Structures are given as structure tokens and as C-alpha cells.
All heavy atoms as atom14 arrays in JSON, in Angstrom:
{
  "sequence": "NEYSKTPVEIKSVYIATAGDSCVINKGSAKYLTFGKKRNVTI",
  "atom14_mask": [
    [1, 1, 1, 1, 1, 1, 1, 1, 0, 0, 0, 0, 0, 0],
    [1, 1, 1, 1, 1, 1, 1, 1, 1, 0, 0, 0, 0, 0],
    [1, 1, 1, 1, 1, 1, 1, 1, 1, 1, 1, 1, 0, 0],
    [1, 1, 1, 1, 1, 1, 0, 0, 0, 0, 0, 0, 0, 0],
    [1, 1, 1, 1, 1, 1, 1, 1, 1, 0, 0, 0, 0, 0],
    [1, 1, 1, 1, 1, 1, 1, 0, 0, 0, 0, 0, 0, 0],
    [1, 1, 1, 1, 1, 1, 1, 0, 0, 0, 0, 0, 0, 0],
    [1, 1, 1, 1, 1, 1, 1, 0, 0, 0, 0, 0, 0, 0],
    [1, 1, 1, 1, 1, 1, 1, 1, 1, 0, 0, 0, 0, 0],
    [1, 1, 1, 1, 1, 1, 1, 1, 0, 0, 0, 0, 0, 0],
    [1, 1, 1, 1, 1, 1, 1, 1, 1, 0, 0, 0, 0, 0],
    [1, 1, 1, 1, 1, 1, 0, 0, 0, 0, 0, 0, 0, 0],
    [1, 1, 1, 1, 1, 1, 1, 0, 0, 0, 0, 0, 0, 0],
    [1, 1, 1, 1, 1, 1, 1, 1, 1, 1, 1, 1, 0, 0],
    [1, 1, 1, 1, 1, 1, 1, 1, 0, 0, 0, 0, 0, 0],
    [1, 1, 1, 1, 1, 0, 0, 0, 0, 0, 0, 0, 0, 0],
    [1, 1, 1, 1, 1, 1, 1, 0, 0, 0, 0, 0, 0, 0],
    [1, 1, 1, 1, 1, 0, 0, 0, 0, 0, 0, 0, 0, 0],
    [1, 1, 1, 1, 0, 0, 0, 0, 0, 0, 0, 0, 0, 0],
    [1, 1, 1, 1, 1, 1, 1, 1, 0, 0, 0, 0, 0, 0],
    [1, 1, 1, 1, 1, 1, 0, 0, 0, 0, 0, 0, 0, 0],
    [1, 1, 1, 1, 1, 1, 0, 0, 0, 0, 0, 0, 0, 0],
    [1, 1, 1, 1, 1, 1, 1, 0, 0, 0, 0, 0, 0, 0],
    [1, 1, 1, 1, 1, 1, 1, 1, 0, 0, 0, 0, 0, 0],
    [1, 1, 1, 1, 1, 1, 1, 1, 0, 0, 0, 0, 0, 0],
    [1, 1, 1, 1, 1, 1, 1, 1, 1, 0, 0, 0, 0, 0],
    [1, 1, 1, 1, 0, 0, 0, 0, 0, 0, 0, 0, 0, 0],
    [1, 1, 1, 1, 1, 1, 0, 0, 0, 0, 0, 0, 0, 0],
    [1, 1, 1, 1, 1, 0, 0, 0, 0, 0, 0, 0, 0, 0],
    [1, 1, 1, 1, 1, 1, 1, 1, 1, 0, 0, 0, 0, 0],
    [1, 1, 1, 1, 1, 1, 1, 1, 1, 1, 1, 1, 0, 0],
    [1, 1, 1, 1, 1, 1, 1, 1, 0, 0, 0, 0, 0, 0],
    [1, 1, 1, 1, 1, 1, 1, 0, 0, 0, 0, 0, 0, 0],
    [1, 1, 1, 1, 1, 1, 1, 1, 1, 1, 1, 0, 0, 0],
    [1, 1, 1, 1, 0, 0, 0, 0, 0, 0, 0, 0, 0, 0],
    [1, 1, 1, 1, 1, 1, 1, 1, 1, 0, 0, 0, 0, 0],
    [1, 1, 1, 1, 1, 1, 1, 1, 1, 0, 0, 0, 0, 0],
    [1, 1, 1, 1, 1, 1, 1, 1, 1, 1, 1, 0, 0, 0],
    [1, 1, 1, 1, 1, 1, 1, 1, 0, 0, 0, 0, 0, 0],
    [1, 1, 1, 1, 1, 1, 1, 0, 0, 0, 0, 0, 0, 0],
    [1, 1, 1, 1, 1, 1, 1, 0, 0, 0, 0, 0, 0, 0],
    [1, 1, 1, 1, 1, 1, 1, 1, 0, 0, 0, 0, 0, 0]
  ],
  "atom14_positions": [
    [[33.05, 72.35, -130.33], [31.73, 72.11, -129.8], [30.99, 70.97, -130.55], [29.8, 71.02, -130.63], [30.83, 73.43, -129.72], [29.67, 73.33, -128.77], [29.69, 72.64, -127.82], [28.63, 73.94, -129.21], [0.0, 0.0, 0.0], [0.0, 0.0, 0.0], [0.0, 0.0, 0.0], [0.0, 0.0, 0.0], [0.0, 0.0, 0.0], [0.0, 0.0, 0.0]],
    [[31.78, 70.05, -131.07], [31.22, 69.17, -132.1], [30.35, 68.12, -131.53], [29.51, 67.52, -132.12], [32.46, 68.45, -132.75], [33.34, 69.39, -133.63], [34.46, 68.91, -134.27], [34.52, 68.12, -135.03], [35.56, 69.24, -133.52], [0.0, 0.0, 0.0], [0.0, 0.0, 0.0], [0.0, 0.0, 0.0], [0.0, 0.0, 0.0], [0.0, 0.0, 0.0]],
    [[30.42, 67.72, -130.17], [29.61, 66.79, -129.62], [28.51, 67.37, -128.78], [27.65, 66.62, -128.11], [30.43, 65.85, -128.77], [31.14, 64.91, -129.69], [32.54, 65.2, -130.08], [30.72, 63.67, -130.05], [33.21, 64.38, -130.86], [31.34, 62.79, -130.84], [32.61, 63.25, -131.21], [33.45, 62.38, -132.05], [0.0, 0.0, 0.0], [0.0, 0.0, 0.0]],
    [[28.25, 68.62, -128.74], [27.25, 69.26, -127.86], [25.96, 69.69, -128.88], [26.04, 69.74, -129.98], [27.76, 70.53, -127.33], [28.92, 70.22, -126.55], [0.0, 0.0, 0.0], [0.0, 0.0, 0.0], [0.0, 0.0, 0.0], [0.0, 0.0, 0.0], [0.0, 0.0, 0.0], [0.0, 0.0, 0.0], [0.0, 0.0, 0.0], [0.0, 0.0, 0.0]],
    [[24.82, 69.66, -128.15], [23.57, 70.07, -128.85], [23.12, 71.34, -128.83], [22.17, 71.74, -129.49], [22.51, 68.99, -128.27], [22.64, 67.6, -128.43], [21.59, 66.73, -127.71], [21.87, 65.25, -127.92], [20.85, 64.48, -127.18], [0.0, 0.0, 0.0], [0.0, 0.0, 0.0], [0.0, 0.0, 0.0], [0.0, 0.0, 0.0], [0.0, 0.0, 0.0]],
    [[23.9, 72.21, -128.08], [23.45, 73.66, -127.99], [24.76, 74.42, -128.06], [25.85, 73.89, -127.89], [22.82, 73.98, -126.79], [23.59, 73.63, -125.64], [21.44, 73.32, -126.58], [0.0, 0.0, 0.0], [0.0, 0.0, 0.0], [0.0, 0.0, 0.0], [0.0, 0.0, 0.0], [0.0, 0.0, 0.0], [0.0, 0.0, 0.0], [0.0, 0.0, 0.0]],
    [[24.76, 75.74, -128.42], [26.01, 76.54, -128.55], [26.71, 76.61, -127.22], [26.07, 76.58, -126.09], [25.46, 77.92, -128.96], [24.12, 77.67, -129.55], [23.49, 76.47, -128.8], [0.0, 0.0, 0.0], [0.0, 0.0, 0.0], [0.0, 0.0, 0.0], [0.0, 0.0, 0.0], [0.0, 0.0, 0.0], [0.0, 0.0, 0.0], [0.0, 0.0, 0.0]],
    [[28.0, 77.01, -127.28], [28.83, 77.36, -126.21], [29.26, 78.71, -126.31], [29.79, 79.04, -127.32], [29.89, 76.32, -125.91], [30.83, 76.26, -127.06], [30.84, 76.79, -124.62], [0.0, 0.0, 0.0], [0.0, 0.0, 0.0], [0.0, 0.0, 0.0], [0.0, 0.0, 0.0], [0.0, 0.0, 0.0], [0.0, 0.0, 0.0], [0.0, 0.0, 0.0]],
    [[28.92, 79.56, -125.37], [29.44, 80.99, -125.2], [30.64, 81.2, -124.6], [30.8, 80.76, -123.42], [28.38, 81.86, -124.66], [26.89, 81.81, -125.47], [25.89, 82.76, -124.78], [26.24, 83.26, -123.68], [24.8, 82.82, -125.27], [0.0, 0.0, 0.0], [0.0, 0.0, 0.0], [0.0, 0.0, 0.0], [0.0, 0.0, 0.0], [0.0, 0.0, 0.0]],
    [[31.69, 81.82, -125.16], [32.91, 81.97, -124.66], [33.19, 83.5, -124.57], [33.23, 84.25, -125.56], [34.05, 81.25, -125.45], [33.85, 79.85, -125.28], [35.48, 81.76, -124.95], [34.81, 79.0, -126.09], [0.0, 0.0, 0.0], [0.0, 0.0, 0.0], [0.0, 0.0, 0.0], [0.0, 0.0, 0.0], [0.0, 0.0, 0.0], [0.0, 0.0, 0.0]],
    [[33.4, 84.1, -123.31], [33.7, 85.46, -123.28], [35.04, 85.92, -123.63], [35.28, 86.89, -124.19], [33.37, 85.83, -121.69], [32.04, 85.65, -121.21], [31.92, 86.12, -119.77], [30.49, 86.0, -119.2], [30.48, 86.44, -117.85], [0.0, 0.0, 0.0], [0.0, 0.0, 0.0], [0.0, 0.0, 0.0], [0.0, 0.0, 0.0], [0.0, 0.0, 0.0]],
    [[35.9, 85.09, -123.23], [37.45, 85.47, -123.73], [38.2, 84.06, -123.37], [37.87, 83.25, -122.64], [37.87, 86.53, -122.85], [37.98, 86.22, -121.43], [0.0, 0.0, 0.0], [0.0, 0.0, 0.0], [0.0, 0.0, 0.0], [0.0, 0.0, 0.0], [0.0, 0.0, 0.0], [0.0, 0.0, 0.0], [0.0, 0.0, 0.0], [0.0, 0.0, 0.0]],
    [[39.52, 84.15, -124.1], [40.45, 83.04, -123.99], [41.79, 83.71, -123.79], [42.15, 84.54, -124.64], [40.37, 82.01, -125.08], [41.42, 80.97, -124.79], [39.01, 81.47, -125.18], [0.0, 0.0, 0.0], [0.0, 0.0, 0.0], [0.0, 0.0, 0.0], [0.0, 0.0, 0.0], [0.0, 0.0, 0.0], [0.0, 0.0, 0.0], [0.0, 0.0, 0.0]],
    [[42.52, 83.37, -122.71], [44.0, 83.84, -122.83], [44.81, 82.68, -122.54], [44.6, 81.66, -121.89], [44.17, 85.01, -121.74], [43.86, 84.76, -120.4], [44.8, 84.13, -119.46], [42.54, 84.94, -119.85], [44.45, 83.98, -118.14], [42.31, 84.71, -118.39], [43.26, 84.17, -117.65], [42.94, 83.99, -116.28], [0.0, 0.0, 0.0], [0.0, 0.0, 0.0]],
    [[46.1, 82.8, -123.14], [47.08, 81.79, -122.95], [48.27, 82.43, -122.22], [48.63, 83.59, -122.19], [47.53, 81.21, -124.46], [48.14, 82.3, -125.14], [46.38, 80.53, -125.05], [48.75, 81.88, -126.53], [0.0, 0.0, 0.0], [0.0, 0.0, 0.0], [0.0, 0.0, 0.0], [0.0, 0.0, 0.0], [0.0, 0.0, 0.0], [0.0, 0.0, 0.0]],
    [[49.07, 81.48, -121.52], [50.19, 81.94, -120.88], [51.18, 80.74, -120.57], [50.66, 79.53, -120.54], [49.88, 82.53, -119.43], [0.0, 0.0, 0.0], [0.0, 0.0, 0.0], [0.0, 0.0, 0.0], [0.0, 0.0, 0.0], [0.0, 0.0, 0.0], [0.0, 0.0, 0.0], [0.0, 0.0, 0.0], [0.0, 0.0, 0.0], [0.0, 0.0, 0.0]],
    [[52.5, 80.96, -120.36], [53.37, 80.1, -119.94], [52.97, 79.47, -118.55], [52.69, 80.17, -117.68], [54.8, 80.6, -119.89], [55.11, 81.12, -121.15], [55.87, 79.51, -119.45], [0.0, 0.0, 0.0], [0.0, 0.0, 0.0], [0.0, 0.0, 0.0], [0.0, 0.0, 0.0], [0.0, 0.0, 0.0], [0.0, 0.0, 0.0], [0.0, 0.0, 0.0]],
    [[52.79, 78.13, -118.48], [52.38, 77.56, -117.18], [53.47, 77.47, -116.26], [54.73, 76.92, -116.71], [51.8, 76.12, -117.57], [0.0, 0.0, 0.0], [0.0, 0.0, 0.0], [0.0, 0.0, 0.0], [0.0, 0.0, 0.0], [0.0, 0.0, 0.0], [0.0, 0.0, 0.0], [0.0, 0.0, 0.0], [0.0, 0.0, 0.0], [0.0, 0.0, 0.0]],
    [[53.25, 77.64, -115.01], [54.15, 77.26, -113.99], [53.79, 75.98, -113.3], [53.16, 75.03, -113.95], [0.0, 0.0, 0.0], [0.0, 0.0, 0.0], [0.0, 0.0, 0.0], [0.0, 0.0, 0.0], [0.0, 0.0, 0.0], [0.0, 0.0, 0.0], [0.0, 0.0, 0.0], [0.0, 0.0, 0.0], [0.0, 0.0, 0.0], [0.0, 0.0, 0.0]],
    [[54.0, 76.04, -111.98], [53.58, 74.86, -111.18], [52.16, 74.75, -110.93], [51.51, 75.87, -110.73], [54.28, 74.79, -109.79], [55.75, 74.55, -109.92], [56.22, 74.03, -110.91], [56.53, 75.08, -108.99], [0.0, 0.0, 0.0], [0.0, 0.0, 0.0], [0.0, 0.0, 0.0], [0.0, 0.0, 0.0], [0.0, 0.0, 0.0], [0.0, 0.0, 0.0]],
    [[51.53, 73.55, -111.03], [50.07, 73.45, -110.74], [49.23, 74.46, -111.65], [49.37, 74.41, -112.75], [49.88, 73.71, -109.32], [48.49, 73.53, -108.98], [0.0, 0.0, 0.0], [0.0, 0.0, 0.0], [0.0, 0.0, 0.0], [0.0, 0.0, 0.0], [0.0, 0.0, 0.0], [0.0, 0.0, 0.0], [0.0, 0.0, 0.0], [0.0, 0.0, 0.0]],
    [[48.43, 75.27, -110.91], [47.58, 76.27, -111.75], [48.17, 77.55, -111.97], [47.62, 78.38, -112.56], [46.32, 76.5, -110.9], [46.51, 77.08, -109.32], [0.0, 0.0, 0.0], [0.0, 0.0, 0.0], [0.0, 0.0, 0.0], [0.0, 0.0, 0.0], [0.0, 0.0, 0.0], [0.0, 0.0, 0.0], [0.0, 0.0, 0.0], [0.0, 0.0, 0.0]],
    [[49.51, 77.79, -111.47], [50.22, 79.02, -111.55], [50.57, 79.35, -113.02], [51.0, 78.42, -113.71], [51.35, 79.11, -110.63], [52.06, 80.37, -110.86], [50.83, 78.9, -109.23], [0.0, 0.0, 0.0], [0.0, 0.0, 0.0], [0.0, 0.0, 0.0], [0.0, 0.0, 0.0], [0.0, 0.0, 0.0], [0.0, 0.0, 0.0], [0.0, 0.0, 0.0]],
    [[50.43, 80.58, -113.41], [50.97, 80.99, -114.8], [51.89, 82.21, -114.56], [52.05, 82.79, -113.73], [49.78, 81.33, -115.64], [49.05, 82.59, -115.18], [48.91, 80.28, -115.92], [48.17, 83.37, -116.17], [0.0, 0.0, 0.0], [0.0, 0.0, 0.0], [0.0, 0.0, 0.0], [0.0, 0.0, 0.0], [0.0, 0.0, 0.0], [0.0, 0.0, 0.0]],
    [[52.78, 82.32, -115.71], [53.6, 83.5, -115.83], [52.68, 84.73, -116.33], [52.46, 84.71, -117.48], [54.7, 83.23, -116.76], [55.66, 84.38, -116.88], [55.23, 85.62, -116.72], [56.89, 84.18, -117.39], [0.0, 0.0, 0.0], [0.0, 0.0, 0.0], [0.0, 0.0, 0.0], [0.0, 0.0, 0.0], [0.0, 0.0, 0.0], [0.0, 0.0, 0.0]],
    [[52.36, 85.48, -115.49], [51.36, 86.65, -115.81], [51.91, 87.45, -116.91], [51.1, 87.94, -117.81], [50.92, 87.46, -114.66], [50.08, 86.63, -113.66], [49.78, 87.48, -112.37], [51.04, 87.96, -111.47], [50.62, 88.63, -110.34], [0.0, 0.0, 0.0], [0.0, 0.0, 0.0], [0.0, 0.0, 0.0], [0.0, 0.0, 0.0], [0.0, 0.0, 0.0]],
    [[53.16, 87.69, -116.91], [53.79, 88.59, -117.95], [53.67, 88.0, -119.23], [53.84, 88.78, -120.31], [0.0, 0.0, 0.0], [0.0, 0.0, 0.0], [0.0, 0.0, 0.0], [0.0, 0.0, 0.0], [0.0, 0.0, 0.0], [0.0, 0.0, 0.0], [0.0, 0.0, 0.0], [0.0, 0.0, 0.0], [0.0, 0.0, 0.0], [0.0, 0.0, 0.0]],
    [[53.61, 86.7, -119.36], [53.56, 86.09, -120.78], [52.0, 86.04, -121.25], [51.9, 85.64, -122.52], [53.98, 84.55, -120.68], [53.27, 83.75, -119.99], [0.0, 0.0, 0.0], [0.0, 0.0, 0.0], [0.0, 0.0, 0.0], [0.0, 0.0, 0.0], [0.0, 0.0, 0.0], [0.0, 0.0, 0.0], [0.0, 0.0, 0.0], [0.0, 0.0, 0.0]],
    [[51.09, 86.4, -120.51], [49.59, 86.18, -120.84], [49.31, 86.95, -122.07], [49.51, 88.17, -122.16], [48.81, 86.44, -119.73], [0.0, 0.0, 0.0], [0.0, 0.0, 0.0], [0.0, 0.0, 0.0], [0.0, 0.0, 0.0], [0.0, 0.0, 0.0], [0.0, 0.0, 0.0], [0.0, 0.0, 0.0], [0.0, 0.0, 0.0], [0.0, 0.0, 0.0]],
    [[48.47, 86.35, -123.0], [47.91, 87.05, -124.15], [46.55, 86.52, -124.41], [46.26, 85.34, -124.38], [48.79, 86.78, -125.39], [50.11, 87.57, -125.32], [50.9, 87.44, -126.67], [52.16, 88.47, -126.76], [52.76, 88.56, -127.96], [0.0, 0.0, 0.0], [0.0, 0.0, 0.0], [0.0, 0.0, 0.0], [0.0, 0.0, 0.0], [0.0, 0.0, 0.0]],
    [[45.66, 87.53, -124.71], [44.31, 87.04, -125.12], [44.27, 86.8, -126.57], [44.83, 87.45, -127.37], [43.34, 88.33, -124.8], [42.86, 88.42, -123.4], [43.76, 89.19, -122.5], [41.73, 87.8, -122.93], [43.37, 89.31, -121.15], [41.43, 87.91, -121.59], [42.17, 88.68, -120.61], [41.82, 88.7, -119.34], [0.0, 0.0, 0.0], [0.0, 0.0, 0.0]],
    [[43.47, 85.77, -126.81], [43.21, 85.3, -128.12], [41.94, 86.04, -128.75], [41.15, 86.45, -128.0], [42.98, 83.78, -128.31], [43.99, 82.86, -127.81], [43.74, 81.45, -127.92], [45.32, 83.16, -128.48], [0.0, 0.0, 0.0], [0.0, 0.0, 0.0], [0.0, 0.0, 0.0], [0.0, 0.0, 0.0], [0.0, 0.0, 0.0], [0.0, 0.0, 0.0]],
    [[41.94, 86.17, -130.04], [40.73, 86.76, -130.74], [40.21, 85.74, -131.65], [40.91, 84.9, -132.32], [40.95, 88.11, -131.29], [42.08, 87.93, -132.35], [41.5, 89.16, -130.37], [0.0, 0.0, 0.0], [0.0, 0.0, 0.0], [0.0, 0.0, 0.0], [0.0, 0.0, 0.0], [0.0, 0.0, 0.0], [0.0, 0.0, 0.0], [0.0, 0.0, 0.0]],
    [[38.96, 85.91, -132.07], [38.21, 85.17, -133.06], [37.56, 86.15, -133.9], [36.5, 86.86, -133.57], [37.17, 84.4, -132.36], [37.81, 83.41, -131.37], [38.1, 83.75, -130.13], [38.23, 82.02, -131.71], [38.65, 82.94, -129.15], [38.76, 81.2, -130.76], [39.11, 81.64, -129.49], [0.0, 0.0, 0.0], [0.0, 0.0, 0.0], [0.0, 0.0, 0.0]],
    [[38.1, 86.26, -135.15], [37.52, 87.33, -136.09], [37.77, 88.69, -135.37], [36.9, 89.56, -135.44], [0.0, 0.0, 0.0], [0.0, 0.0, 0.0], [0.0, 0.0, 0.0], [0.0, 0.0, 0.0], [0.0, 0.0, 0.0], [0.0, 0.0, 0.0], [0.0, 0.0, 0.0], [0.0, 0.0, 0.0], [0.0, 0.0, 0.0], [0.0, 0.0, 0.0]],
    [[38.88, 88.91, -134.75], [39.27, 90.14, -134.14], [38.48, 90.5, -132.9], [38.63, 91.54, -132.31], [39.35, 91.4, -135.16], [40.37, 91.03, -136.3], [40.43, 92.24, -137.15], [41.34, 92.0, -138.41], [41.47, 93.23, -139.33], [0.0, 0.0, 0.0], [0.0, 0.0, 0.0], [0.0, 0.0, 0.0], [0.0, 0.0, 0.0], [0.0, 0.0, 0.0]],
    [[37.64, 89.55, -132.45], [36.98, 89.86, -131.17], [37.28, 88.83, -130.14], [37.68, 87.59, -130.46], [35.43, 89.69, -131.51], [34.77, 90.7, -132.4], [33.3, 90.52, -132.6], [32.78, 91.49, -133.6], [31.37, 91.2, -133.76], [0.0, 0.0, 0.0], [0.0, 0.0, 0.0], [0.0, 0.0, 0.0], [0.0, 0.0, 0.0], [0.0, 0.0, 0.0]],
    [[37.31, 89.3, -128.82], [37.72, 88.28, -127.74], [36.59, 87.27, -127.52], [36.88, 86.21, -127.07], [37.94, 89.08, -126.43], [39.34, 89.78, -126.5], [39.66, 90.37, -125.07], [40.89, 91.0, -125.04], [41.53, 91.55, -124.08], [40.83, 91.43, -122.77], [42.69, 92.12, -124.16], [0.0, 0.0, 0.0], [0.0, 0.0, 0.0], [0.0, 0.0, 0.0]],
    [[35.33, 87.66, -127.7], [34.3, 86.61, -127.57], [34.01, 85.81, -128.72], [34.14, 86.38, -129.85], [33.02, 87.43, -126.95], [32.45, 88.31, -128.0], [33.13, 89.24, -128.43], [31.22, 88.06, -128.37], [0.0, 0.0, 0.0], [0.0, 0.0, 0.0], [0.0, 0.0, 0.0], [0.0, 0.0, 0.0], [0.0, 0.0, 0.0], [0.0, 0.0, 0.0]],
    [[33.33, 84.57, -128.5], [32.99, 83.81, -129.74], [31.86, 82.88, -129.19], [32.0, 82.35, -128.08], [34.13, 83.04, -130.27], [34.71, 82.06, -129.25], [33.7, 82.35, -131.54], [0.0, 0.0, 0.0], [0.0, 0.0, 0.0], [0.0, 0.0, 0.0], [0.0, 0.0, 0.0], [0.0, 0.0, 0.0], [0.0, 0.0, 0.0], [0.0, 0.0, 0.0]],
    [[31.02, 82.55, -130.0], [29.92, 81.6, -129.75], [30.12, 80.39, -130.8], [30.14, 80.68, -131.9], [28.51, 82.14, -129.87], [28.34, 83.22, -128.86], [27.5, 80.98, -129.67], [0.0, 0.0, 0.0], [0.0, 0.0, 0.0], [0.0, 0.0, 0.0], [0.0, 0.0, 0.0], [0.0, 0.0, 0.0], [0.0, 0.0, 0.0], [0.0, 0.0, 0.0]],
    [[30.4, 79.21, -130.2], [30.54, 78.08, -131.01], [29.18, 77.36, -131.27], [28.67, 76.77, -130.27], [31.66, 77.11, -130.47], [32.96, 77.99, -130.08], [32.0, 76.14, -131.46], [33.88, 77.1, -129.34], [0.0, 0.0, 0.0], [0.0, 0.0, 0.0], [0.0, 0.0, 0.0], [0.0, 0.0, 0.0], [0.0, 0.0, 0.0], [0.0, 0.0, 0.0]]
  ]
}
């Protein structure tokens, strides 16, 4: 959030193997954490 003038609130982030276009492999999906929490404010 280095170029922004106010904080950005993130509720959650998950990663997954990408398929075609916007499709993902749902079985591969995993939520990331930040300090062991899913949400983070930058």
C-alpha cells in the first residue's frame, strides 16, 4: 500500500492453482494469514 494515502482493509486472501481465465482449482485453495489472522489492514 506504498503509494496510497489511506489504509487498505483486507478481509481475507486465498491462493489457488489457476485454470482457464478466472477459473481456479477449488481443491487447491488455501487462505493466507497475517500474524495468524485472515484479515489485515495495510
